Each structure stands twice: as C-alpha cells, then as structure tokens.
C-alpha cells in the first residue's frame, strides 16, 4: 500500500493581517527611537579608549528623564535613576544646545573637586580611574592642575573662568546644585568642563548602552592602534572586510 505523506500547510496571513503586523512593528520601532533609544556616531577622540572614532552608540534616553518627562510604558522597559559619578552621559552642549556631546561625570552636586598632575581628587580622595587615558600632549598647567589660579589658556571661556573663581575654596572647586562636572576619558585631548564649565542637569539626556557597530577610523591622538584596526593586504577580500570595521567592538557594552 502506497503511503501518503501529509503536509501541514499554514494559512498565509491576509493583506489586512500583514498590514496590521507591519504597522505594529513600525509603531514599536518609532516608540523606541522617540522615547527610549537613539543612535549616535562618535566623531572625535575625546573619549578614547572607552569610545573610539567611528563607534555607533545606542543610548538610553529615558534613564535620566526628569519628573515631567517620564513615560509609564518606557519605565517598564528601562528603569530610571539619577546621574551618578562615573557615568558616561550624552548631553546638550551648554554653549550650543544644538550639539550633543558625550563625556564622563566626575563631579556631582556638592562635590569638592580638584585635579593634580592630571589625577582627579573628589572630596579629598584621589579617584581610581582605569578608563582614563593620558596620550602624549604638550604641557598645559591649566589642564593638568585644576582649578588654576592664573588664567593661562585662551581656550577657556572667560565667563566660566569668573564663575570658577567664585566657586573655588581652598584649592577645590565646589560643584553647585543641579550642575555636573564632566571630563573626556582621553584627558589630554578633551574639550570639557575644564574649559567651558558645568553641565546643567536638564541638559543631560541619555546614557550610552552598547556599541552596535564600529567603523575603522584613524585617530589623530592614538599612538597605539588596536589589533583589530590593522589593515590586511589590499588584494585580499578577507583583509578588506577585516579593515572595514572593528568587528570585536560590535555589541560591546559601554561602561
């Protein structure tokens, strides 16, 4: 007797069903990009080696949301918390709110802060900062010893200089309420709070979560290239693919 094979055929979705499914996907994607997640591209070396030129970041826009900005649905996806010392944050540049910058918080409201020979001291304790890089640069007393008593760097904003003097007590800068002091991890090559001042709390908008892609891009300050940055033979396809991106950095969690 000839055996017959029965095949289960799943019904194809109708056009209205397929349209509804696509619409739901689009709505969820738009919600995540509008209220929760947002991509950014790192354009400069100021956060090396934590973040490299060419890194694409996915950031959490809700983690630092102010009371009036909190969304009940996004709160279920990602919890809220306040900005903490050591956090990497994305914020509106105080001198040009149209620009986004990314730096690390080293001083929170009430902290007494100073920098001696490039090393950060907060509330009398020298900080352990394994993420800080000190790539070669010309000496700069204002950058390496902060707060300075003498105006020596033309890059320093004069308004910030005056404010800094009024907030300095016994050689320490006191961080005011609702303000944050930020530095780039690439300490000798970062334009940060040392030159333009504090970041207001309301200007901090996101925290980086993960590097979802990383293009190989040269750094003008990095004297040591990572192993996965090396280009292979131009005639070899595998070498070209290897040199196109920093594959090992993809899905790297930022901290």
C-alpha atoms as a PDB file:
ATOM      1  CA  UNK A   1       0.000   0.000   0.000  1.00  0.00           C
ATOM      2  CA  UNK A   2       1.374   3.255  -1.045  1.00  0.00           C
ATOM      3  CA  UNK A   3       1.915   5.567   1.916  1.00  0.00           C
ATOM      4  CA  UNK A   4       0.799   9.112   1.613  1.00  0.00           C
ATOM      5  CA  UNK A   5       2.714  11.914   3.314  1.00  0.00           C
ATOM      6  CA  UNK A   6       0.563  14.555   4.858  1.00  0.00           C
ATOM      7  CA  UNK A   7       1.985  18.063   4.832  1.00  0.00           C
ATOM      8  CA  UNK A   8       0.699  20.694   7.155  1.00  0.00           C
ATOM      9  CA  UNK A   9       0.216  23.946   5.348  1.00  0.00           C
ATOM     10  CA  UNK A  10      -0.089  27.034   7.467  1.00  0.00           C
ATOM     11  CA  UNK A  11      -2.512  29.586   6.107  1.00  0.00           C
ATOM     12  CA  UNK A  12      -0.860  32.702   4.758  1.00  0.00           C
ATOM     13  CA  UNK A  13      -1.860  35.920   6.510  1.00  0.00           C
ATOM     14  CA  UNK A  14      -4.329  38.064   4.719  1.00  0.00           C
ATOM     15  CA  UNK A  15      -3.369  41.510   3.485  1.00  0.00           C
ATOM     16  CA  UNK A  16      -5.117  43.285   6.398  1.00  0.00           C
ATOM     17  CA  UNK A  17      -3.378  40.987   8.900  1.00  0.00           C
ATOM     18  CA  UNK A  18       0.037  41.527   7.303  1.00  0.00           C
ATOM     19  CA  UNK A  19      -0.545  45.285   7.223  1.00  0.00           C
ATOM     20  CA  UNK A  20      -1.569  45.317  10.880  1.00  0.00           C
ATOM     21  CA  UNK A  21       1.540  43.329  11.859  1.00  0.00           C
ATOM     22  CA  UNK A  22       3.786  45.697   9.903  1.00  0.00           C
ATOM     23  CA  UNK A  23       2.064  48.700  11.456  1.00  0.00           C
ATOM     24  CA  UNK A  24       2.618  47.330  14.975  1.00  0.00           C
ATOM     25  CA  UNK A  25       6.298  46.795  14.213  1.00  0.00           C
ATOM     26  CA  UNK A  26       6.660  50.350  12.902  1.00  0.00           C
ATOM     27  CA  UNK A  27       4.833  51.787  15.921  1.00  0.00           C
ATOM     28  CA  UNK A  28       7.081  49.903  18.363  1.00  0.00           C
ATOM     29  CA  UNK A  29      10.200  50.973  16.457  1.00  0.00           C
ATOM     30  CA  UNK A  30       9.103  54.606  16.392  1.00  0.00           C
ATOM     31  CA  UNK A  31       8.274  54.482  20.102  1.00  0.00           C
ATOM     32  CA  UNK A  32      11.704  53.084  20.974  1.00  0.00           C
ATOM     33  CA  UNK A  33      13.538  55.622  18.815  1.00  0.00           C
ATOM     34  CA  UNK A  34      11.415  58.544  20.039  1.00  0.00           C
ATOM     35  CA  UNK A  35      11.201  57.868  23.771  1.00  0.00           C
ATOM     36  CA  UNK A  36      13.764  55.206  24.711  1.00  0.00           C
ATOM     37  CA  UNK A  37      16.635  54.544  22.308  1.00  0.00           C
ATOM     38  CA  UNK A  38      18.608  56.687  19.879  1.00  0.00           C
ATOM     39  CA  UNK A  39      21.734  56.032  17.769  1.00  0.00           C
ATOM     40  CA  UNK A  40      24.805  58.293  17.823  1.00  0.00           C
ATOM     41  CA  UNK A  41      28.128  58.270  15.986  1.00  0.00           C
ATOM     42  CA  UNK A  42      31.348  59.128  17.841  1.00  0.00           C
ATOM     43  CA  UNK A  43      33.207  61.783  15.771  1.00  0.00           C
ATOM     44  CA  UNK A  44      36.243  62.629  17.949  1.00  0.00           C
ATOM     45  CA  UNK A  45      38.951  61.135  20.143  1.00  0.00           C
ATOM     46  CA  UNK A  46      37.938  62.787  23.426  1.00  0.00           C
ATOM     47  CA  UNK A  47      36.588  59.540  24.966  1.00  0.00           C
ATOM     48  CA  UNK A  48      39.348  57.155  23.872  1.00  0.00           C
ATOM     49  CA  UNK A  49      39.789  54.361  24.663  1.00  0.00           C
ATOM     50  CA  UNK A  50      36.304  53.854  26.016  1.00  0.00           C
ATOM     51  CA  UNK A  51      34.697  55.173  22.833  1.00  0.00           C
ATOM     52  CA  UNK A  52      36.578  55.324  19.540  1.00  0.00           C
ATOM     53  CA  UNK A  53      36.124  57.452  16.438  1.00  0.00           C
ATOM     54  CA  UNK A  54      33.662  55.560  14.252  1.00  0.00           C
ATOM     55  CA  UNK A  55      31.753  53.831  17.076  1.00  0.00           C
ATOM     56  CA  UNK A  56      27.974  53.797  16.655  1.00  0.00           C
ATOM     57  CA  UNK A  57      26.190  54.011  20.007  1.00  0.00           C
ATOM     58  CA  UNK A  58      22.716  53.028  21.060  1.00  0.00           C
ATOM     59  CA  UNK A  59      21.745  55.217  24.009  1.00  0.00           C
ATOM     60  CA  UNK A  60      19.001  55.086  26.632  1.00  0.00           C
ATOM     61  CA  UNK A  61      17.077  58.367  26.557  1.00  0.00           C
ATOM     62  CA  UNK A  62      14.802  57.531  29.492  1.00  0.00           C
ATOM     63  CA  UNK A  63      17.216  56.507  32.255  1.00  0.00           C
ATOM     64  CA  UNK A  64      17.836  60.143  33.316  1.00  0.00           C
ATOM     65  CA  UNK A  65      14.408  61.504  32.416  1.00  0.00           C
ATOM     66  CA  UNK A  66      13.230  64.363  34.618  1.00  0.00           C
ATOM     67  CA  UNK A  67       9.959  64.036  36.516  1.00  0.00           C
ATOM     68  CA  UNK A  68       7.874  65.738  33.816  1.00  0.00           C
ATOM     69  CA  UNK A  69       9.422  63.673  31.013  1.00  0.00           C
ATOM     70  CA  UNK A  70       8.881  60.164  32.391  1.00  0.00           C
ATOM     71  CA  UNK A  71       6.765  57.812  30.311  1.00  0.00           C
ATOM     72  CA  UNK A  72       4.939  54.974  32.055  1.00  0.00           C
ATOM     73  CA  UNK A  73       5.439  52.452  29.239  1.00  0.00           C
ATOM     74  CA  UNK A  74       9.153  53.158  28.774  1.00  0.00           C
ATOM     75  CA  UNK A  75       9.573  52.968  32.550  1.00  0.00           C
ATOM     76  CA  UNK A  76       8.642  49.287  32.333  1.00  0.00           C
ATOM     77  CA  UNK A  77      11.357  48.690  29.735  1.00  0.00           C
ATOM     78  CA  UNK A  78      14.231  50.622  31.299  1.00  0.00           C
ATOM     79  CA  UNK A  79      14.307  51.845  34.919  1.00  0.00           C
ATOM     80  CA  UNK A  80      15.031  55.440  35.894  1.00  0.00           C
ATOM     81  CA  UNK A  81      17.830  56.612  38.149  1.00  0.00           C
ATOM     82  CA  UNK A  82      19.751  59.791  38.901  1.00  0.00           C
ATOM     83  CA  UNK A  83      23.076  60.774  37.372  1.00  0.00           C
ATOM     84  CA  UNK A  84      25.986  59.260  39.315  1.00  0.00           C
ATOM     85  CA  UNK A  85      29.690  59.962  39.471  1.00  0.00           C
ATOM     86  CA  UNK A  86      31.448  57.777  36.893  1.00  0.00           C
ATOM     87  CA  UNK A  87      28.510  57.678  34.461  1.00  0.00           C
ATOM     88  CA  UNK A  88      29.085  58.333  30.775  1.00  0.00           C
ATOM     89  CA  UNK A  89      26.382  60.762  29.669  1.00  0.00           C
ATOM     90  CA  UNK A  90      25.092  62.331  26.470  1.00  0.00           C
ATOM     91  CA  UNK A  91      24.081  65.974  26.879  1.00  0.00           C
ATOM     92  CA  UNK A  92      23.330  69.196  25.060  1.00  0.00           C
ATOM     93  CA  UNK A  93      26.489  71.302  24.882  1.00  0.00           C
ATOM     94  CA  UNK A  94      25.734  74.276  27.178  1.00  0.00           C
ATOM     95  CA  UNK A  95      27.354  76.756  24.782  1.00  0.00           C
ATOM     96  CA  UNK A  96      25.438  75.389  21.769  1.00  0.00           C
ATOM     97  CA  UNK A  97      22.366  73.302  22.727  1.00  0.00           C
ATOM     98  CA  UNK A  98      22.004  72.075  19.143  1.00  0.00           C
ATOM     99  CA  UNK A  99      25.107  69.927  19.617  1.00  0.00           C
ATOM    100  CA  UNK A 100      25.297  66.674  21.544  1.00  0.00           C
ATOM    101  CA  UNK A 101      28.444  65.754  23.473  1.00  0.00           C
ATOM    102  CA  UNK A 102      29.424  62.620  25.380  1.00  0.00           C
ATOM    103  CA  UNK A 103      31.680  62.744  28.467  1.00  0.00           C
ATOM    104  CA  UNK A 104      32.121  61.077  31.838  1.00  0.00           C
ATOM    105  CA  UNK A 105      30.719  62.595  35.046  1.00  0.00           C
ATOM    106  CA  UNK A 106      33.476  63.125  37.634  1.00  0.00           C
ATOM    107  CA  UNK A 107      31.737  65.649  39.882  1.00  0.00           C
ATOM    108  CA  UNK A 108      28.120  65.681  41.139  1.00  0.00           C
ATOM    109  CA  UNK A 109      26.359  68.419  43.152  1.00  0.00           C
ATOM    110  CA  UNK A 110      28.163  69.144  46.411  1.00  0.00           C
ATOM    111  CA  UNK A 111      31.459  67.505  45.404  1.00  0.00           C
ATOM    112  CA  UNK A 112      34.754  69.258  46.140  1.00  0.00           C
ATOM    113  CA  UNK A 113      36.953  68.646  43.129  1.00  0.00           C
ATOM    114  CA  UNK A 114      40.496  69.285  42.018  1.00  0.00           C
ATOM    115  CA  UNK A 115      42.986  67.857  39.517  1.00  0.00           C
ATOM    116  CA  UNK A 116      46.667  67.476  40.381  1.00  0.00           C
ATOM    117  CA  UNK A 117      49.107  66.368  37.667  1.00  0.00           C
ATOM    118  CA  UNK A 118      46.135  65.054  35.725  1.00  0.00           C
ATOM    119  CA  UNK A 119      44.759  62.947  38.596  1.00  0.00           C
ATOM    120  CA  UNK A 120      41.242  63.689  39.832  1.00  0.00           C
ATOM    121  CA  UNK A 121      40.597  64.149  43.545  1.00  0.00           C
ATOM    122  CA  UNK A 122      36.998  64.296  44.819  1.00  0.00           C
ATOM    123  CA  UNK A 123      36.173  65.177  48.426  1.00  0.00           C
ATOM    124  CA  UNK A 124      39.798  64.620  49.404  1.00  0.00           C
ATOM    125  CA  UNK A 125      40.095  61.168  47.795  1.00  0.00           C
ATOM    126  CA  UNK A 126      42.192  60.534  44.679  1.00  0.00           C
ATOM    127  CA  UNK A 127      39.981  58.651  42.243  1.00  0.00           C
ATOM    128  CA  UNK A 128      40.867  55.293  40.702  1.00  0.00           C
ATOM    129  CA  UNK A 129      40.087  55.730  37.012  1.00  0.00           C
ATOM    130  CA  UNK A 130      41.137  52.718  34.917  1.00  0.00           C
ATOM    131  CA  UNK A 131      39.314  54.208  31.915  1.00  0.00           C
ATOM    132  CA  UNK A 132      41.367  57.438  31.853  1.00  0.00           C
ATOM    133  CA  UNK A 133      43.952  57.716  29.064  1.00  0.00           C
ATOM    134  CA  UNK A 134      46.863  60.160  29.035  1.00  0.00           C
ATOM    135  CA  UNK A 135      48.079  60.232  25.449  1.00  0.00           C
ATOM    136  CA  UNK A 136      51.088  62.430  24.595  1.00  0.00           C
ATOM    137  CA  UNK A 137      50.371  66.161  24.505  1.00  0.00           C
ATOM    138  CA  UNK A 138      52.162  69.437  25.071  1.00  0.00           C
ATOM    139  CA  UNK A 139      52.286  70.525  28.745  1.00  0.00           C
ATOM    140  CA  UNK A 140      49.303  72.570  29.872  1.00  0.00           C
ATOM    141  CA  UNK A 141      49.267  73.702  33.527  1.00  0.00           C
ATOM    142  CA  UNK A 142      45.607  74.727  33.352  1.00  0.00           C
ATOM    143  CA  UNK A 143      44.533  71.317  32.005  1.00  0.00           C
ATOM    144  CA  UNK A 144      46.664  69.211  34.353  1.00  0.00           C
ATOM    145  CA  UNK A 145      46.204  71.220  37.579  1.00  0.00           C
ATOM    146  CA  UNK A 146      42.661  72.405  38.153  1.00  0.00           C
ATOM    147  CA  UNK A 147      41.232  74.755  39.291  1.00  0.00           C
ATOM    148  CA  UNK A 148      44.003  77.127  38.274  1.00  0.00           C
ATOM    149  CA  UNK A 149      44.762  80.408  39.984  1.00  0.00           C
ATOM    150  CA  UNK A 150      46.107  82.103  36.856  1.00  0.00           C
ATOM    151  CA  UNK A 151      44.328  82.495  33.523  1.00  0.00           C
ATOM    152  CA  UNK A 152      46.784  80.817  31.107  1.00  0.00           C
ATOM    153  CA  UNK A 153      44.730  79.034  28.449  1.00  0.00           C
ATOM    154  CA  UNK A 154      42.988  81.094  25.727  1.00  0.00           C
ATOM    155  CA  UNK A 155      40.622  78.178  25.094  1.00  0.00           C
ATOM    156  CA  UNK A 156      38.998  78.709  28.486  1.00  0.00           C
ATOM    157  CA  UNK A 157      35.666  80.519  28.379  1.00  0.00           C
ATOM    158  CA  UNK A 158      36.083  83.834  30.293  1.00  0.00           C
ATOM    159  CA  UNK A 159      32.580  83.612  31.799  1.00  0.00           C
ATOM    160  CA  UNK A 160      33.397  80.161  33.128  1.00  0.00           C
ATOM    161  CA  UNK A 161      36.734  81.443  34.460  1.00  0.00           C
ATOM    162  CA  UNK A 162      34.981  84.034  36.600  1.00  0.00           C
ATOM    163  CA  UNK A 163      32.409  81.538  37.836  1.00  0.00           C
ATOM    164  CA  UNK A 164      35.140  79.030  38.620  1.00  0.00           C
ATOM    165  CA  UNK A 165      36.985  81.544  40.805  1.00  0.00           C
ATOM    166  CA  UNK A 166      33.856  82.290  42.815  1.00  0.00           C
ATOM    167  CA  UNK A 167      33.246  78.563  43.444  1.00  0.00           C
ATOM    168  CA  UNK A 168      36.816  77.662  44.399  1.00  0.00           C
ATOM    169  CA  UNK A 169      37.558  77.233  48.107  1.00  0.00           C
ATOM    170  CA  UNK A 170      40.948  76.147  49.457  1.00  0.00           C
ATOM    171  CA  UNK A 171      42.033  74.962  46.032  1.00  0.00           C
ATOM    172  CA  UNK A 172      38.905  72.881  45.404  1.00  0.00           C
ATOM    173  CA  UNK A 173      36.017  73.551  43.031  1.00  0.00           C
ATOM    174  CA  UNK A 174      32.630  73.064  44.698  1.00  0.00           C
ATOM    175  CA  UNK A 175      30.021  71.704  42.267  1.00  0.00           C
ATOM    176  CA  UNK A 176      26.711  73.639  42.637  1.00  0.00           C
ATOM    177  CA  UNK A 177      23.259  72.086  42.920  1.00  0.00           C
ATOM    178  CA  UNK A 178      21.804  70.743  39.650  1.00  0.00           C
ATOM    179  CA  UNK A 179      25.208  71.001  37.947  1.00  0.00           C
ATOM    180  CA  UNK A 180      27.702  68.320  36.884  1.00  0.00           C
ATOM    181  CA  UNK A 181      31.420  68.406  36.094  1.00  0.00           C
ATOM    182  CA  UNK A 182      32.415  66.200  33.148  1.00  0.00           C
ATOM    183  CA  UNK A 183      35.703  65.112  31.580  1.00  0.00           C
ATOM    184  CA  UNK A 184      36.664  63.147  28.497  1.00  0.00           C
ATOM    185  CA  UNK A 185      38.423  59.853  29.183  1.00  0.00           C
ATOM    186  CA  UNK A 186      41.201  60.986  26.818  1.00  0.00           C
ATOM    187  CA  UNK A 187      42.252  63.578  29.382  1.00  0.00           C
ATOM    188  CA  UNK A 188      44.951  65.356  27.368  1.00  0.00           C
ATOM    189  CA  UNK A 189      42.784  65.700  24.259  1.00  0.00           C
ATOM    190  CA  UNK A 190      39.328  66.634  25.505  1.00  0.00           C
ATOM    191  CA  UNK A 191      37.432  69.903  25.480  1.00  0.00           C
ATOM    192  CA  UNK A 192      35.317  69.512  28.606  1.00  0.00           C
ATOM    193  CA  UNK A 193      34.246  71.150  31.884  1.00  0.00           C
ATOM    194  CA  UNK A 194      37.784  72.376  32.461  1.00  0.00           C
ATOM    195  CA  UNK A 195      37.395  74.860  29.612  1.00  0.00           C
ATOM    196  CA  UNK A 196      33.657  75.639  29.391  1.00  0.00           C
ATOM    197  CA  UNK A 197      32.084  74.753  32.730  1.00  0.00           C
ATOM    198  CA  UNK A 198      29.331  72.660  34.235  1.00  0.00           C
ATOM    199  CA  UNK A 199      26.552  70.680  32.554  1.00  0.00           C
ATOM    200  CA  UNK A 200      23.087  71.585  33.943  1.00  0.00           C
ATOM    201  CA  UNK A 201      21.004  68.590  34.995  1.00  0.00           C
ATOM    202  CA  UNK A 202      18.256  69.378  32.492  1.00  0.00           C
ATOM    203  CA  UNK A 203      20.758  69.180  29.610  1.00  0.00           C
ATOM    204  CA  UNK A 204      21.716  65.549  30.354  1.00  0.00           C
ATOM    205  CA  UNK A 205      19.559  63.483  28.018  1.00  0.00           C
ATOM    206  CA  UNK A 206      20.897  59.935  27.705  1.00  0.00           C
ATOM    207  CA  UNK A 207      23.321  57.243  28.752  1.00  0.00           C
ATOM    208  CA  UNK A 208      25.196  55.057  26.210  1.00  0.00           C
ATOM    209  CA  UNK A 209      24.181  51.406  26.325  1.00  0.00           C
ATOM    210  CA  UNK A 210      26.026  49.466  23.647  1.00  0.00           C
ATOM    211  CA  UNK A 211      28.230  49.873  20.574  1.00  0.00           C
ATOM    212  CA  UNK A 212      26.137  48.326  17.817  1.00  0.00           C
ATOM    213  CA  UNK A 213      28.690  48.925  15.051  1.00  0.00           C
ATOM    214  CA  UNK A 214      32.176  50.405  14.727  1.00  0.00           C
ATOM    215  CA  UNK A 215      33.846  51.643  11.566  1.00  0.00           C
ATOM    216  CA  UNK A 216      37.628  51.639  11.429  1.00  0.00           C
ATOM    217  CA  UNK A 217      38.594  55.299  11.559  1.00  0.00           C
ATOM    218  CA  UNK A 218      42.033  56.769  12.251  1.00  0.00           C
ATOM    219  CA  UNK A 219      42.684  58.659  15.458  1.00  0.00           C
ATOM    220  CA  UNK A 220      44.874  61.732  15.476  1.00  0.00           C
ATOM    221  CA  UNK A 221      45.857  61.178  19.122  1.00  0.00           C
ATOM    222  CA  UNK A 222      46.172  57.403  19.461  1.00  0.00           C
ATOM    223  CA  UNK A 223      49.767  56.237  19.166  1.00  0.00           C
ATOM    224  CA  UNK A 224      48.845  52.573  19.591  1.00  0.00           C
ATOM    225  CA  UNK A 225      46.320  51.049  17.221  1.00  0.00           C
ATOM    226  CA  UNK A 226      44.220  48.161  18.480  1.00  0.00           C
ATOM    227  CA  UNK A 227      44.846  44.763  16.907  1.00  0.00           C
ATOM    228  CA  UNK A 228      41.536  44.747  15.054  1.00  0.00           C
ATOM    229  CA  UNK A 229      42.351  48.132  13.465  1.00  0.00           C
ATOM    230  CA  UNK A 230      45.187  46.782  11.341  1.00  0.00           C
ATOM    231  CA  UNK A 231      44.583  46.601   7.597  1.00  0.00           C
ATOM    232  CA  UNK A 232      45.479  43.479   5.708  1.00  0.00           C
ATOM    233  CA  UNK A 233      46.662  43.037   2.137  1.00  0.00           C
ATOM    234  CA  UNK A 234      44.650  45.222  -0.225  1.00  0.00           C
ATOM    235  CA  UNK A 235      44.187  42.371  -2.687  1.00  0.00           C
ATOM    236  CA  UNK A 236      42.671  40.039  -0.139  1.00  0.00           C
ATOM    237  CA  UNK A 237      38.926  40.278   0.358  1.00  0.00           C
ATOM    238  CA  UNK A 238      39.151  38.995   3.919  1.00  0.00           C
ATOM    239  CA  UNK A 239      41.646  41.699   4.787  1.00  0.00           C
ATOM    240  CA  UNK A 240      39.392  44.363   3.304  1.00  0.00           C
ATOM    241  CA  UNK A 241      36.452  43.115   5.316  1.00  0.00           C
ATOM    242  CA  UNK A 242      38.567  42.979   8.462  1.00  0.00           C
ATOM    243  CA  UNK A 243      39.762  46.529   7.901  1.00  0.00           C
ATOM    244  CA  UNK A 244      36.302  47.920   7.181  1.00  0.00           C
ATOM    245  CA  UNK A 245      35.054  47.687  10.758  1.00  0.00           C
ATOM    246  CA  UNK A 246      36.173  46.921  14.288  1.00  0.00           C
ATOM    247  CA  UNK A 247      34.241  43.690  14.473  1.00  0.00           C
ATOM    248  CA  UNK A 248      35.286  42.900  18.046  1.00  0.00           C
ATOM    249  CA  UNK A 249      33.619  46.089  19.297  1.00  0.00           C
ATOM    250  CA  UNK A 250      30.159  45.232  17.950  1.00  0.00           C
ATOM    251  CA  UNK A 251      27.665  44.697  20.817  1.00  0.00           C
ATOM    252  CA  UNK A 252      30.287  45.904  23.307  1.00  0.00           C
ATOM    253  CA  UNK A 253      28.542  47.241  26.415  1.00  0.00           C
ATOM    254  CA  UNK A 254      29.609  50.788  27.321  1.00  0.00           C
ATOM    255  CA  UNK A 255      30.688  51.482  30.899  1.00  0.00           C
END
